[in-house]
């Protein structure tokens, strides 16, 4: 079962450069949300790219 990965547009997240969700957003994904990462920590929805 393949589940669609929802992109993330959180530019404040410390792990955004390593996150597959953020890369999807940068690459133009239209379905996205803002997850809870901050400048000090990543969110619980982080996916290594």
PDB file of N, CA and C in Angstrom:
ATOM      1  N   UNK A   1       0.842  -1.174   0.000  1.00  0.00           N
ATOM      2  CA  UNK A   1       0.000   0.000   0.000  1.00  0.00           C
ATOM      3  C   UNK A   1       0.893   1.244   0.000  1.00  0.00           C
ATOM      4  N   UNK A   2       0.805   2.082  -1.042  1.00  0.00           N
ATOM      5  CA  UNK A   2       1.576   3.317  -1.116  1.00  0.00           C
ATOM      6  C   UNK A   2       0.735   4.476  -0.626  1.00  0.00           C
ATOM      7  N   UNK A   3       1.237   5.138   0.408  1.00  0.00           N
ATOM      8  CA  UNK A   3       0.565   6.293   0.950  1.00  0.00           C
ATOM      9  C   UNK A   3       1.224   7.538   0.391  1.00  0.00           C
ATOM     10  N   UNK A   4       0.440   8.519  -0.026  1.00  0.00           N
ATOM     11  CA  UNK A   4       0.982   9.759  -0.569  1.00  0.00           C
ATOM     12  C   UNK A   4       1.634  10.567   0.562  1.00  0.00           C
ATOM     13  N   UNK A   5       2.821  11.091   0.295  1.00  0.00           N
ATOM     14  CA  UNK A   5       3.533  11.894   1.292  1.00  0.00           C
ATOM     15  C   UNK A   5       3.112  13.348   1.130  1.00  0.00           C
ATOM     16  N   UNK A   6       2.618  13.950   2.207  1.00  0.00           N
ATOM     17  CA  UNK A   6       2.208  15.337   2.197  1.00  0.00           C
ATOM     18  C   UNK A   6       3.435  16.224   2.379  1.00  0.00           C
ATOM     19  N   UNK A   7       3.623  17.180   1.498  1.00  0.00           N
ATOM     20  CA  UNK A   7       4.775  18.090   1.558  1.00  0.00           C
ATOM     21  C   UNK A   7       4.659  19.038   2.755  1.00  0.00           C
ATOM     22  N   UNK A   8       5.770  19.660   3.116  1.00  0.00           N
ATOM     23  CA  UNK A   8       5.807  20.600   4.244  1.00  0.00           C
ATOM     24  C   UNK A   8       6.462  21.904   3.796  1.00  0.00           C
ATOM     25  N   UNK A   9       5.866  23.029   4.166  1.00  0.00           N
ATOM     26  CA  UNK A   9       6.391  24.331   3.780  1.00  0.00           C
ATOM     27  C   UNK A   9       7.018  25.101   4.951  1.00  0.00           C
ATOM     28  N   UNK A  10       7.450  24.405   5.986  1.00  0.00           N
ATOM     29  CA  UNK A  10       8.011  25.051   7.163  1.00  0.00           C
ATOM     30  C   UNK A  10       9.467  25.459   6.921  1.00  0.00           C
ATOM     31  N   UNK A  11       9.696  26.736   6.634  1.00  0.00           N
ATOM     32  CA  UNK A  11      11.040  27.228   6.347  1.00  0.00           C
ATOM     33  C   UNK A  11      11.859  27.476   7.611  1.00  0.00           C
ATOM     34  N   UNK A  12      11.226  27.429   8.797  1.00  0.00           N
ATOM     35  CA  UNK A  12      11.936  27.645  10.061  1.00  0.00           C
ATOM     36  C   UNK A  12      12.584  26.375  10.608  1.00  0.00           C
ATOM     37  N   UNK A  13      12.182  25.222  10.124  1.00  0.00           N
ATOM     38  CA  UNK A  13      12.617  23.939  10.666  1.00  0.00           C
ATOM     39  C   UNK A  13      14.123  23.725  10.486  1.00  0.00           C
ATOM     40  N   UNK A  14      14.797  23.307  11.534  1.00  0.00           N
ATOM     41  CA  UNK A  14      16.253  23.073  11.497  1.00  0.00           C
ATOM     42  C   UNK A  14      16.620  21.930  10.553  1.00  0.00           C
ATOM     43  N   UNK A  15      15.707  20.989  10.341  1.00  0.00           N
ATOM     44  CA  UNK A  15      16.007  19.821   9.504  1.00  0.00           C
ATOM     45  C   UNK A  15      15.453  19.935   8.088  1.00  0.00           C
ATOM     46  N   UNK A  16      14.996  21.114   7.681  1.00  0.00           N
ATOM     47  CA  UNK A  16      14.350  21.253   6.371  1.00  0.00           C
ATOM     48  C   UNK A  16      15.242  20.839   5.211  1.00  0.00           C
ATOM     49  N   UNK A  17      16.550  21.078   5.306  1.00  0.00           N
ATOM     50  CA  UNK A  17      17.455  20.730   4.207  1.00  0.00           C
ATOM     51  C   UNK A  17      17.675  19.228   4.069  1.00  0.00           C
ATOM     52  N   UNK A  18      17.310  18.458   5.085  1.00  0.00           N
ATOM     53  CA  UNK A  18      17.465  17.001   5.073  1.00  0.00           C
ATOM     54  C   UNK A  18      16.127  16.285   4.886  1.00  0.00           C
ATOM     55  N   UNK A  19      15.046  17.042   4.792  1.00  0.00           N
ATOM     56  CA  UNK A  19      13.699  16.460   4.836  1.00  0.00           C
ATOM     57  C   UNK A  19      13.080  16.275   3.452  1.00  0.00           C
ATOM     58  N   UNK A  20      12.553  15.082   3.213  1.00  0.00           N
ATOM     59  CA  UNK A  20      11.893  14.771   1.948  1.00  0.00           C
ATOM     60  C   UNK A  20      10.614  15.589   1.774  1.00  0.00           C
ATOM     61  N   UNK A  21       9.889  15.836   2.861  1.00  0.00           N
ATOM     62  CA  UNK A  21       8.656  16.623   2.779  1.00  0.00           C
ATOM     63  C   UNK A  21       8.933  18.049   2.292  1.00  0.00           C
ATOM     64  N   UNK A  22       9.986  18.679   2.802  1.00  0.00           N
ATOM     65  CA  UNK A  22      10.330  20.036   2.389  1.00  0.00           C
ATOM     66  C   UNK A  22      10.795  20.053   0.933  1.00  0.00           C
ATOM     67  N   UNK A  23      11.546  19.043   0.523  1.00  0.00           N
ATOM     68  CA  UNK A  23      11.999  18.956  -0.874  1.00  0.00           C
ATOM     69  C   UNK A  23      10.801  18.846  -1.812  1.00  0.00           C
ATOM     70  N   UNK A  24       9.797  18.076  -1.434  1.00  0.00           N
ATOM     71  CA  UNK A  24       8.582  17.976  -2.245  1.00  0.00           C
ATOM     72  C   UNK A  24       7.924  19.343  -2.406  1.00  0.00           C
ATOM     73  N   UNK A  25       7.896  20.116  -1.336  1.00  0.00           N
ATOM     74  CA  UNK A  25       7.318  21.463  -1.388  1.00  0.00           C
ATOM     75  C   UNK A  25       8.128  22.356  -2.335  1.00  0.00           C
ATOM     76  N   UNK A  26       9.452  22.339  -2.209  1.00  0.00           N
ATOM     77  CA  UNK A  26      10.324  23.139  -3.063  1.00  0.00           C
ATOM     78  C   UNK A  26      10.164  22.731  -4.533  1.00  0.00           C
ATOM     79  N   UNK A  27       9.953  21.444  -4.771  1.00  0.00           N
ATOM     80  CA  UNK A  27       9.789  20.934  -6.140  1.00  0.00           C
ATOM     81  C   UNK A  27       8.402  21.204  -6.719  1.00  0.00           C
ATOM     82  N   UNK A  28       7.519  21.860  -5.947  1.00  0.00           N
ATOM     83  CA  UNK A  28       6.231  22.288  -6.492  1.00  0.00           C
ATOM     84  C   UNK A  28       5.008  21.507  -6.072  1.00  0.00           C
ATOM     85  N   UNK A  29       5.087  20.700  -5.036  1.00  0.00           N
ATOM     86  CA  UNK A  29       3.909  19.953  -4.572  1.00  0.00           C
ATOM     87  C   UNK A  29       2.799  20.930  -4.185  1.00  0.00           C
ATOM     88  N   UNK A  30       1.590  20.664  -4.657  1.00  0.00           N
ATOM     89  CA  UNK A  30       0.483  21.574  -4.372  1.00  0.00           C
ATOM     90  C   UNK A  30      -0.193  21.267  -3.038  1.00  0.00           C
ATOM     91  N   UNK A  31      -0.158  20.014  -2.614  1.00  0.00           N
ATOM     92  CA  UNK A  31      -0.735  19.655  -1.318  1.00  0.00           C
ATOM     93  C   UNK A  31       0.370  19.698  -0.274  1.00  0.00           C
ATOM     94  N   UNK A  32       0.234  20.622   0.689  1.00  0.00           N
ATOM     95  CA  UNK A  32       1.255  20.745   1.722  1.00  0.00           C
ATOM     96  C   UNK A  32       0.652  21.276   3.017  1.00  0.00           C
ATOM     97  N   UNK A  33       1.420  21.157   4.079  1.00  0.00           N
ATOM     98  CA  UNK A  33       1.022  21.668   5.386  1.00  0.00           C
ATOM     99  C   UNK A  33       2.259  22.276   6.035  1.00  0.00           C
ATOM    100  N   UNK A  34       2.071  22.876   7.206  1.00  0.00           N
ATOM    101  CA  UNK A  34       3.196  23.392   7.972  1.00  0.00           C
ATOM    102  C   UNK A  34       3.311  22.532   9.221  1.00  0.00           C
ATOM    103  N   UNK A  35       4.378  21.742   9.295  1.00  0.00           N
ATOM    104  CA  UNK A  35       4.575  20.874  10.455  1.00  0.00           C
ATOM    105  C   UNK A  35       5.286  21.638  11.558  1.00  0.00           C
ATOM    106  N   UNK A  36       5.461  21.017  12.716  1.00  0.00           N
ATOM    107  CA  UNK A  36       5.890  21.707  13.918  1.00  0.00           C
ATOM    108  C   UNK A  36       7.368  21.885  14.174  1.00  0.00           C
ATOM    109  N   UNK A  37       8.215  21.777  13.186  1.00  0.00           N
ATOM    110  CA  UNK A  37       9.643  21.974  13.414  1.00  0.00           C
ATOM    111  C   UNK A  37       9.974  23.421  13.752  1.00  0.00           C
ATOM    112  N   UNK A  38      11.046  23.614  14.512  1.00  0.00           N
ATOM    113  CA  UNK A  38      11.485  24.962  14.884  1.00  0.00           C
ATOM    114  C   UNK A  38      12.964  25.118  14.536  1.00  0.00           C
ATOM    115  N   UNK A  39      13.516  26.278  14.843  1.00  0.00           N
ATOM    116  CA  UNK A  39      14.943  26.522  14.594  1.00  0.00           C
ATOM    117  C   UNK A  39      15.820  25.667  15.509  1.00  0.00           C
ATOM    118  N   UNK A  40      15.242  25.118  16.582  1.00  0.00           N
ATOM    119  CA  UNK A  40      15.990  24.292  17.533  1.00  0.00           C
ATOM    120  C   UNK A  40      15.778  22.794  17.348  1.00  0.00           C
ATOM    121  N   UNK A  41      14.634  22.380  16.770  1.00  0.00           N
ATOM    122  CA  UNK A  41      14.345  20.949  16.648  1.00  0.00           C
ATOM    123  C   UNK A  41      13.487  20.667  15.418  1.00  0.00           C
ATOM    124  N   UNK A  42      13.558  19.428  14.957  1.00  0.00           N
ATOM    125  CA  UNK A  42      12.714  18.993  13.847  1.00  0.00           C
ATOM    126  C   UNK A  42      11.352  18.542  14.352  1.00  0.00           C
ATOM    127  N   UNK A  43      10.439  18.278  13.442  1.00  0.00           N
ATOM    128  CA  UNK A  43       9.111  17.815  13.829  1.00  0.00           C
ATOM    129  C   UNK A  43       9.077  16.280  13.890  1.00  0.00           C
ATOM    130  N   UNK A  44       7.965  15.748  14.296  1.00  0.00           N
ATOM    131  CA  UNK A  44       7.812  14.290  14.410  1.00  0.00           C
ATOM    132  C   UNK A  44       7.404  13.652  13.085  1.00  0.00           C
ATOM    133  N   UNK A  45       7.252  14.456  12.026  1.00  0.00           N
ATOM    134  CA  UNK A  45       6.851  13.934  10.715  1.00  0.00           C
ATOM    135  C   UNK A  45       8.018  13.962   9.736  1.00  0.00           C
ATOM    136  N   UNK A  46       9.235  14.129  10.227  1.00  0.00           N
ATOM    137  CA  UNK A  46      10.447  14.189   9.413  1.00  0.00           C
ATOM    138  C   UNK A  46      10.665  12.894   8.640  1.00  0.00           C
ATOM    139  N   UNK A  47      11.009  13.013   7.353  1.00  0.00           N
ATOM    140  CA  UNK A  47      11.366  11.869   6.513  1.00  0.00           C
ATOM    141  C   UNK A  47      12.698  12.185   5.865  1.00  0.00           C
ATOM    142  N   UNK A  48      13.695  11.350   6.141  1.00  0.00           N
ATOM    143  CA  UNK A  48      15.036  11.538   5.555  1.00  0.00           C
ATOM    144  C   UNK A  48      14.961  11.430   4.041  1.00  0.00           C
ATOM    145  N   UNK A  49      15.591  12.379   3.301  1.00  0.00           N
ATOM    146  CA  UNK A  49      15.557  12.271   1.837  1.00  0.00           C
ATOM    147  C   UNK A  49      16.702  11.486   1.295  1.00  0.00           C
TER     148      UNK A  49
END
